[in-house]
C-alpha atoms as a PDB file:
ATOM      1  CA  MET A   1       0.017  -0.020  -0.019  1.00  0.00           C
ATOM      2  CA  LYS A   2       1.296   3.464  -0.904  1.00  0.00           C
ATOM      3  CA  THR A   3       1.803   5.659   2.178  1.00  0.00           C
ATOM      4  CA  PRO A   4       2.646   9.312   2.798  1.00  0.00           C
ATOM      5  CA  LYS A   5       6.361   9.942   2.335  1.00  0.00           C
ATOM      6  CA  VAL A   6       8.582  12.487   4.056  1.00  0.00           C
ATOM      7  CA  ALA A   7      11.874  13.624   2.585  1.00  0.00           C
ATOM      8  CA  ILE A   8      14.800  14.199   4.956  1.00  0.00           C
ATOM      9  CA  ASN A   9      18.031  16.064   4.160  1.00  0.00           C
ATOM     10  CA  THR A  10      21.239  14.310   5.109  1.00  0.00           C
ATOM     11  CA  CYS A  11      24.562  15.091   6.810  1.00  0.00           C
ATOM     12  CA  ILE A  12      28.032  14.554   5.324  1.00  0.00           C
ATOM     13  CA  SER A  13      31.351  14.060   7.157  1.00  0.00           C
ATOM     14  CA  THR A  14      34.742  15.437   6.104  1.00  0.00           C
ATOM     15  CA  GLY A  15      35.481  11.929   4.870  1.00  0.00           C
ATOM     16  CA  GLY A  16      32.408  11.901   2.611  1.00  0.00           C
ATOM     17  CA  ASN A  17      30.189   9.624   4.708  1.00  0.00           C
ATOM     18  CA  ILE A  18      26.492  10.468   4.369  1.00  0.00           C
ATOM     19  CA  TRP A  19      23.958   9.738   7.113  1.00  0.00           C
ATOM     20  CA  VAL A  20      20.788  10.799   8.847  1.00  0.00           C
ATOM     21  CA  SER A  21      20.237  10.388  12.591  1.00  0.00           C
ATOM     22  CA  GLY A  22      18.025   7.439  13.522  1.00  0.00           C
ATOM     23  CA  THR A  23      16.196   9.629  16.058  1.00  0.00           C
ATOM     24  CA  TYR A  24      14.484  11.506  13.234  1.00  0.00           C
ATOM     25  CA  VAL A  25      13.570   8.291  11.479  1.00  0.00           C
ATOM     26  CA  ARG A  26      12.082   6.738  14.596  1.00  0.00           C
ATOM     27  CA  ALA A  27      10.089   9.885  15.341  1.00  0.00           C
ATOM     28  CA  LEU A  28       8.467   9.811  11.893  1.00  0.00           C
ATOM     29  CA  GLU A  29       7.943   6.045  11.817  1.00  0.00           C
ATOM     30  CA  LYS A  30       5.920   6.390  15.018  1.00  0.00           C
ATOM     31  CA  PHE A  31       3.257   8.050  12.819  1.00  0.00           C
ATOM     32  CA  SER A  32       3.291   5.570   9.957  1.00  0.00           C
ATOM     33  CA  VAL A  33       4.924   7.603   7.230  1.00  0.00           C
ATOM     34  CA  SER A  34       7.672   6.322   4.910  1.00  0.00           C
ATOM     35  CA  ILE A  35      10.951   8.136   4.613  1.00  0.00           C
ATOM     36  CA  LEU A  36      13.181   9.224   1.747  1.00  0.00           C
ATOM     37  CA  ALA A  37      16.698  10.375   2.776  1.00  0.00           C
ATOM     38  CA  ILE A  38      18.107  12.698   0.109  1.00  0.00           C
ATOM     39  CA  PRO A  39      21.904  12.234  -0.162  1.00  0.00           C
ATOM     40  CA  VAL A  40      24.282  15.129  -0.531  1.00  0.00           C
ATOM     41  CA  GLY A  41      25.515  15.506  -4.100  1.00  0.00           C
ATOM     42  CA  LEU A  42      22.328  15.196  -6.143  1.00  0.00           C
ATOM     43  CA  LYS A  43      21.826  17.344  -9.215  1.00  0.00           C
ATOM     44  CA  TYR A  44      18.941  19.751  -9.424  1.00  0.00           C
ATOM     45  CA  LYS A  45      16.823  17.476 -11.666  1.00  0.00           C
ATOM     46  CA  GLN A  46      17.475  14.543  -9.318  1.00  0.00           C
ATOM     47  CA  ILE A  47      16.211  16.608  -6.375  1.00  0.00           C
ATOM     48  CA  ASN A  48      13.067  17.518  -8.327  1.00  0.00           C
ATOM     49  CA  GLU A  49      12.429  13.851  -9.223  1.00  0.00           C
ATOM     50  CA  ALA A  50      12.954  12.675  -5.622  1.00  0.00           C
ATOM     51  CA  LEU A  51      10.617  15.212  -4.160  1.00  0.00           C
ATOM     52  CA  LYS A  52       7.796  14.552  -6.712  1.00  0.00           C
ATOM     53  CA  ASP A  53       6.957  11.391  -4.770  1.00  0.00           C
ATOM     54  CA  CYS A  54       7.053  13.046  -1.305  1.00  0.00           C
ATOM     55  CA  ASP A  55       4.409  14.866   0.722  1.00  0.00           C
ATOM     56  CA  GLY A  56       6.517  16.611   3.402  1.00  0.00           C
ATOM     57  CA  LEU A  57      10.023  17.732   4.202  1.00  0.00           C
ATOM     58  CA  LEU A  58      11.981  17.388   7.480  1.00  0.00           C
ATOM     59  CA  LEU A  59      15.111  19.558   7.712  1.00  0.00           C
ATOM     60  CA  THR A  60      17.348  18.124  10.453  1.00  0.00           C
ATOM     61  CA  GLY A  61      19.932  19.541  12.766  1.00  0.00           C
ATOM     62  CA  GLY A  62      23.577  19.500  11.772  1.00  0.00           C
ATOM     63  CA  ALA A  63      26.658  21.627  11.285  1.00  0.00           C
ATOM     64  CA  ASP A  64      26.574  25.452  11.093  1.00  0.00           C
ATOM     65  CA  ILE A  65      25.201  27.063   7.940  1.00  0.00           C
ATOM     66  CA  PRO A  66      28.062  28.710   5.997  1.00  0.00           C
ATOM     67  CA  PRO A  67      27.882  32.494   6.636  1.00  0.00           C
ATOM     68  CA  SER A  68      28.487  33.108   2.940  1.00  0.00           C
ATOM     69  CA  LEU A  69      24.847  32.076   2.410  1.00  0.00           C
ATOM     70  CA  TYR A  70      23.797  35.189   4.309  1.00  0.00           C
ATOM     71  CA  GLN A  71      26.662  37.436   3.161  1.00  0.00           C
ATOM     72  CA  THR A  72      28.540  37.521   6.447  1.00  0.00           C
ATOM     73  CA  ARG A  73      32.097  36.817   7.434  1.00  0.00           C
ATOM     74  CA  THR A  74      32.775  33.589   9.326  1.00  0.00           C
ATOM     75  CA  HIS A  75      33.004  33.951  13.108  1.00  0.00           C
ATOM     76  CA  ARG A  76      35.865  32.134  14.794  1.00  0.00           C
ATOM     77  CA  LYS A  77      33.410  29.879  16.589  1.00  0.00           C
ATOM     78  CA  THR A  78      31.537  28.899  13.473  1.00  0.00           C
ATOM     79  CA  SER A  79      32.050  25.379  12.109  1.00  0.00           C
ATOM     80  CA  PRO A  80      30.267  25.537   8.737  1.00  0.00           C
ATOM     81  CA  ALA A  81      28.881  22.601   6.849  1.00  0.00           C
ATOM     82  CA  PRO A  82      30.261  22.029   3.307  1.00  0.00           C
ATOM     83  CA  LYS A  83      28.812  24.628   0.948  1.00  0.00           C
ATOM     84  CA  GLU A  84      27.626  21.855  -1.380  1.00  0.00           C
ATOM     85  CA  LYS A  85      25.404  20.441   1.317  1.00  0.00           C
ATOM     86  CA  ALA A  86      24.100  23.851   2.463  1.00  0.00           C
ATOM     87  CA  TRP A  87      23.182  24.979  -1.075  1.00  0.00           C
ATOM     88  CA  GLN A  88      21.561  21.614  -1.773  1.00  0.00           C
ATOM     89  CA  ASP A  89      19.483  21.941   1.406  1.00  0.00           C
ATOM     90  CA  VAL A  90      18.322  25.356   0.218  1.00  0.00           C
ATOM     91  CA  ARG A  91      17.287  23.916  -3.158  1.00  0.00           C
ATOM     92  CA  ILE A  92      15.454  21.059  -1.456  1.00  0.00           C
ATOM     93  CA  LEU A  93      13.593  23.511   0.775  1.00  0.00           C
ATOM     94  CA  LYS A  94      12.630  25.848  -2.113  1.00  0.00           C
ATOM     95  CA  THR A  95      11.482  22.979  -4.253  1.00  0.00           C
ATOM     96  CA  ALA A  96       9.437  21.481  -1.399  1.00  0.00           C
ATOM     97  CA  GLU A  97       7.770  24.870  -0.785  1.00  0.00           C
ATOM     98  CA  SER A  98       7.021  25.306  -4.492  1.00  0.00           C
ATOM     99  CA  LEU A  99       5.254  21.975  -4.395  1.00  0.00           C
ATOM    100  CA  GLY A 100       3.178  22.993  -1.404  1.00  0.00           C
ATOM    101  CA  MET A 101       4.674  20.538   1.089  1.00  0.00           C
ATOM    102  CA  PRO A 102       4.520  20.879   4.865  1.00  0.00           C
ATOM    103  CA  VAL A 103       8.022  21.681   6.142  1.00  0.00           C
ATOM    104  CA  LEU A 104       9.390  21.048   9.594  1.00  0.00           C
ATOM    105  CA  GLY A 105      12.885  22.437  10.444  1.00  0.00           C
ATOM    106  CA  ILE A 106      14.731  21.316  13.586  1.00  0.00           C
ATOM    107  CA  CYS A 107      17.662  23.247  15.047  1.00  0.00           C
ATOM    108  CA  ALA A 108      19.934  23.980  12.039  1.00  0.00           C
ATOM    109  CA  GLY A 109      16.867  23.140   9.905  1.00  0.00           C
ATOM    110  CA  MET A 110      15.002  26.117  11.442  1.00  0.00           C
ATOM    111  CA  GLN A 111      18.055  28.344  10.799  1.00  0.00           C
ATOM    112  CA  LEU A 112      18.135  27.135   7.179  1.00  0.00           C
ATOM    113  CA  ILE A 113      14.485  28.155   6.681  1.00  0.00           C
ATOM    114  CA  ASN A 114      15.356  31.603   7.925  1.00  0.00           C
ATOM    115  CA  VAL A 115      18.490  31.969   5.790  1.00  0.00           C
ATOM    116  CA  ALA A 116      16.664  30.706   2.646  1.00  0.00           C
ATOM    117  CA  ARG A 117      14.086  33.502   3.209  1.00  0.00           C
ATOM    118  CA  GLY A 118      16.857  36.126   3.372  1.00  0.00           C
ATOM    119  CA  GLY A 119      17.455  36.166   7.164  1.00  0.00           C
ATOM    120  CA  THR A 120      20.721  36.133   9.030  1.00  0.00           C
ATOM    121  CA  LEU A 121      22.138  34.322  12.092  1.00  0.00           C
ATOM    122  CA  ILE A 122      23.869  35.010  15.394  1.00  0.00           C
ATOM    123  CA  GLN A 123      26.978  32.898  14.805  1.00  0.00           C
ATOM    124  CA  ASP A 124      27.816  32.163  18.456  1.00  0.00           C
ATOM    125  CA  ILE A 125      25.347  32.792  21.301  1.00  0.00           C
ATOM    126  CA  PRO A 126      27.895  32.566  24.206  1.00  0.00           C
ATOM    127  CA  SER A 127      30.141  35.269  22.685  1.00  0.00           C
ATOM    128  CA  CYS A 128      27.506  37.440  21.028  1.00  0.00           C
ATOM    129  CA  VAL A 129      24.620  37.529  23.489  1.00  0.00           C
ATOM    130  CA  VAL A 130      24.753  39.176  26.909  1.00  0.00           C
ATOM    131  CA  GLN A 131      23.830  36.753  29.743  1.00  0.00           C
ATOM    132  CA  PRO A 132      22.444  34.041  27.516  1.00  0.00           C
ATOM    133  CA  THR A 133      20.278  31.184  28.675  1.00  0.00           C
ATOM    134  CA  GLU A 134      21.935  27.768  28.589  1.00  0.00           C
ATOM    135  CA  HIS A 135      21.207  26.355  25.137  1.00  0.00           C
ATOM    136  CA  SER A 136      22.918  22.957  25.456  1.00  0.00           C
ATOM    137  CA  GLY A 137      21.887  19.536  26.621  1.00  0.00           C
ATOM    138  CA  ARG A 138      19.820  16.532  25.535  1.00  0.00           C
ATOM    139  CA  ASP A 139      17.423  16.744  28.471  1.00  0.00           C
ATOM    140  CA  VAL A 140      14.754  19.384  29.014  1.00  0.00           C
ATOM    141  CA  ASN A 141      16.792  22.371  30.190  1.00  0.00           C
ATOM    142  CA  HIS A 142      14.953  25.638  29.742  1.00  0.00           C
ATOM    143  CA  SER A 143      11.647  27.232  28.950  1.00  0.00           C
ATOM    144  CA  VAL A 144      10.350  28.926  25.815  1.00  0.00           C
ATOM    145  CA  TYR A 145       7.571  31.524  25.857  1.00  0.00           C
ATOM    146  CA  PHE A 146       4.945  31.794  23.127  1.00  0.00           C
ATOM    147  CA  THR A 147       5.023  35.268  21.604  1.00  0.00           C
ATOM    148  CA  SER A 148       2.242  34.964  18.989  1.00  0.00           C
ATOM    149  CA  GLU A 149      -1.326  34.306  20.142  1.00  0.00           C
ATOM    150  CA  ASP A 150      -2.514  33.001  16.755  1.00  0.00           C
ATOM    151  CA  SER A 151       0.535  30.826  15.967  1.00  0.00           C
ATOM    152  CA  ARG A 152       0.198  27.299  14.689  1.00  0.00           C
ATOM    153  CA  ILE A 153       2.714  25.928  17.181  1.00  0.00           C
ATOM    154  CA  LYS A 154       0.849  27.448  20.139  1.00  0.00           C
ATOM    155  CA  SER A 155      -2.340  25.737  19.003  1.00  0.00           C
ATOM    156  CA  ILE A 156      -0.466  22.421  18.514  1.00  0.00           C
ATOM    157  CA  PHE A 157       0.683  22.342  22.147  1.00  0.00           C
ATOM    158  CA  GLY A 158      -2.478  23.963  23.467  1.00  0.00           C
ATOM    159  CA  LEU A 159      -0.659  26.012  26.065  1.00  0.00           C
ATOM    160  CA  ASN A 160      -1.170  29.440  27.536  1.00  0.00           C
ATOM    161  CA  HIS A 161       2.122  29.361  29.351  1.00  0.00           C
ATOM    162  CA  ASN A 162       5.754  28.391  28.800  1.00  0.00           C
ATOM    163  CA  LEU A 163       6.956  25.105  27.258  1.00  0.00           C
ATOM    164  CA  LYS A 164       9.942  23.187  28.669  1.00  0.00           C
ATOM    165  CA  VAL A 165      12.354  22.173  25.882  1.00  0.00           C
ATOM    166  CA  ASN A 166      15.754  20.580  25.223  1.00  0.00           C
ATOM    167  CA  SER A 167      17.687  23.128  23.202  1.00  0.00           C
ATOM    168  CA  ARG A 168      21.304  22.519  22.167  1.00  0.00           C
ATOM    169  CA  HIS A 169      22.551  25.109  19.669  1.00  0.00           C
ATOM    170  CA  HIS A 170      25.156  27.846  19.675  1.00  0.00           C
ATOM    171  CA  GLN A 171      23.619  29.809  16.769  1.00  0.00           C
ATOM    172  CA  ALA A 172      20.255  31.508  16.458  1.00  0.00           C
ATOM    173  CA  ILE A 173      18.221  33.908  14.338  1.00  0.00           C
ATOM    174  CA  LEU A 174      19.473  37.487  14.123  1.00  0.00           C
ATOM    175  CA  GLU A 175      17.472  39.113  11.287  1.00  0.00           C
ATOM    176  CA  LEU A 176      14.184  37.359  10.479  1.00  0.00           C
ATOM    177  CA  GLY A 177      13.627  36.078   6.926  1.00  0.00           C
ATOM    178  CA  GLU A 178      10.819  37.285   4.635  1.00  0.00           C
ATOM    179  CA  GLY A 179       7.351  35.863   5.258  1.00  0.00           C
ATOM    180  CA  LEU A 180       8.219  34.372   8.652  1.00  0.00           C
ATOM    181  CA  LYS A 181       7.215  35.239  12.186  1.00  0.00           C
ATOM    182  CA  ILE A 182       8.815  34.367  15.514  1.00  0.00           C
ATOM    183  CA  THR A 183       6.409  32.370  17.651  1.00  0.00           C
ATOM    184  CA  SER A 184       8.383  31.726  20.851  1.00  0.00           C
ATOM    185  CA  ARG A 185      11.515  32.960  22.554  1.00  0.00           C
ATOM    186  CA  ALA A 186      13.809  31.772  25.379  1.00  0.00           C
ATOM    187  CA  GLU A 187      14.307  33.818  28.543  1.00  0.00           C
ATOM    188  CA  ASP A 188      17.313  35.563  26.920  1.00  0.00           C
ATOM    189  CA  GLY A 189      15.227  36.702  23.926  1.00  0.00           C
ATOM    190  CA  ILE A 190      16.606  34.116  21.521  1.00  0.00           C
ATOM    191  CA  ALA A 191      14.009  32.966  18.951  1.00  0.00           C
ATOM    192  CA  GLU A 192      13.100  29.338  19.692  1.00  0.00           C
ATOM    193  CA  SER A 193      10.414  28.801  16.964  1.00  0.00           C
ATOM    194  CA  ILE A 194       9.311  30.382  13.741  1.00  0.00           C
ATOM    195  CA  GLU A 195       6.601  29.738  11.173  1.00  0.00           C
ATOM    196  CA  ASP A 196       5.333  30.928   7.848  1.00  0.00           C
ATOM    197  CA  ASP A 197       3.262  34.117   8.241  1.00  0.00           C
ATOM    198  CA  GLY A 198       0.866  33.278   5.436  1.00  0.00           C
ATOM    199  CA  GLY A 199      -0.724  30.085   6.661  1.00  0.00           C
ATOM    200  CA  ARG A 200       1.595  27.518   4.968  1.00  0.00           C
ATOM    201  CA  TRP A 201       2.545  24.577   7.235  1.00  0.00           C
ATOM    202  CA  THR A 202       6.199  25.630   7.656  1.00  0.00           C
ATOM    203  CA  ILE A 203       7.526  25.485  11.215  1.00  0.00           C
ATOM    204  CA  GLY A 204      11.032  25.667  12.623  1.00  0.00           C
ATOM    205  CA  VAL A 205      12.065  24.926  16.195  1.00  0.00           C
ATOM    206  CA  GLN A 206      15.460  25.282  17.893  1.00  0.00           C
ATOM    207  CA  TRP A 207      14.904  22.384  20.273  1.00  0.00           C
ATOM    208  CA  HIS A 208      15.030  18.691  19.481  1.00  0.00           C
ATOM    209  CA  PRO A 209      11.572  17.082  19.709  1.00  0.00           C
ATOM    210  CA  GLU A 210      12.902  13.949  18.095  1.00  0.00           C
ATOM    211  CA  ASP A 211      14.846  13.230  21.287  1.00  0.00           C
ATOM    212  CA  LEU A 212      11.648  13.598  23.359  1.00  0.00           C
ATOM    213  CA  ILE A 213       9.517  11.211  21.283  1.00  0.00           C
ATOM    214  CA  ASP A 214       8.978   8.909  24.322  1.00  0.00           C
ATOM    215  CA  LYS A 215       7.245  11.805  26.123  1.00  0.00           C
ATOM    216  CA  PRO A 216       3.626  11.924  24.827  1.00  0.00           C
ATOM    217  CA  PHE A 217       3.280  15.680  25.189  1.00  0.00           C
ATOM    218  CA  HIS A 218       6.319  16.352  22.929  1.00  0.00           C
ATOM    219  CA  THR A 219       4.995  14.038  20.182  1.00  0.00           C
ATOM    220  CA  ARG A 220       2.416  16.692  19.305  1.00  0.00           C
ATOM    221  CA  LEU A 221       4.647  18.501  16.888  1.00  0.00           C
ATOM    222  CA  PHE A 222       5.464  15.365  14.871  1.00  0.00           C
ATOM    223  CA  LYS A 223       1.829  14.319  15.092  1.00  0.00           C
ATOM    224  CA  ASP A 224       0.545  17.517  13.557  1.00  0.00           C
ATOM    225  CA  PHE A 225       3.361  17.570  10.959  1.00  0.00           C
ATOM    226  CA  THR A 226       2.572  14.027   9.814  1.00  0.00           C
ATOM    227  CA  ARG A 227      -1.174  14.858   9.861  1.00  0.00           C
ATOM    228  CA  ALA A 228      -0.487  17.704   7.393  1.00  0.00           C
ATOM    229  CA  VAL A 229       1.686  15.348   5.314  1.00  0.00           C
ATOM    230  CA  ALA A 230      -1.144  12.747   5.201  1.00  0.00           C
ATOM    231  CA  GLU A 231      -3.632  15.453   4.139  1.00  0.00           C
ATOM    232  CA  ARG A 232      -1.436  16.402   1.165  1.00  0.00           C
ATOM    233  CA  PHE A 233      -1.083  12.761   0.276  1.00  0.00           C
ATOM    234  CA  GLU A 234      -4.847  12.233   0.312  1.00  0.00           C
ATOM    235  CA  LYS A 235      -5.394  15.319  -1.876  1.00  0.00           C
ATOM    236  CA  ARG A 236      -2.934  13.931  -4.419  1.00  0.00           C
ATOM    237  CA  TYR A 237      -4.068  10.287  -4.481  1.00  0.00           C
ATOM    238  CA  GLY A 238      -7.459  10.156  -2.753  1.00  0.00           C
ATOM    239  CA  ARG A 239      -8.393   7.695   0.004  1.00  0.00           C
ATOM    240  CA  ASN A 240      -9.500   5.090  -2.464  1.00  0.00           C
ATOM    241  CA  LYS A 241      -6.495   5.316  -4.728  1.00  0.00           C
ATOM    242  CA  GLN A 242      -3.828   4.167  -2.232  1.00  0.00           C
ATOM    243  CA  HIS A 243      -2.142   1.060  -3.531  1.00  0.00           C
END
């Protein structure tokens, strides 16, 4: 039986090894979608062909986005991903958006959404932000506060107060990209989530919900993402055409 499929970007090591973390895969499989990992090094036409069969895009965490993508010099604390990977991720994102896919960006994936829309980044929170909140650790380690009453992410979690999350990132949004809005912040003012300002299902979060998938409350983001993916799938194929 044909099932909704989510594309995932991949990471590449200095030695050329390509991989995607199993935590993202397990989080998606929990909601019965199939997965297509897109390897670094594909041509533009190959990316288009791969995405034609997908109904959503997950942009994962990873190395720092090269500052050349947002016309800035490289900070001494920045460890950029290969430019080939970064530019391919931008192409994947823009293609997915042109096809009307739901997009979820996690950590560096959120930052990529911002940069692809013309935004810029704080390259190192500890050295660039006065009295920053601790943004490192796999366990829930700080709170984020919703800043937009009508945001999609606030409705997903159904909260009128702060959300405890597990951030681990040393970069963050500086200038916001076009057509985006910040929907939550940490206590130090750092943007912790963004989304499309025009109603499209595009959400970015700085924390790592894939590591909290065993906590029912934190599955809500993946649940709503895969719901939107399934809705697009049904519009394309229809309930009675799955095979």
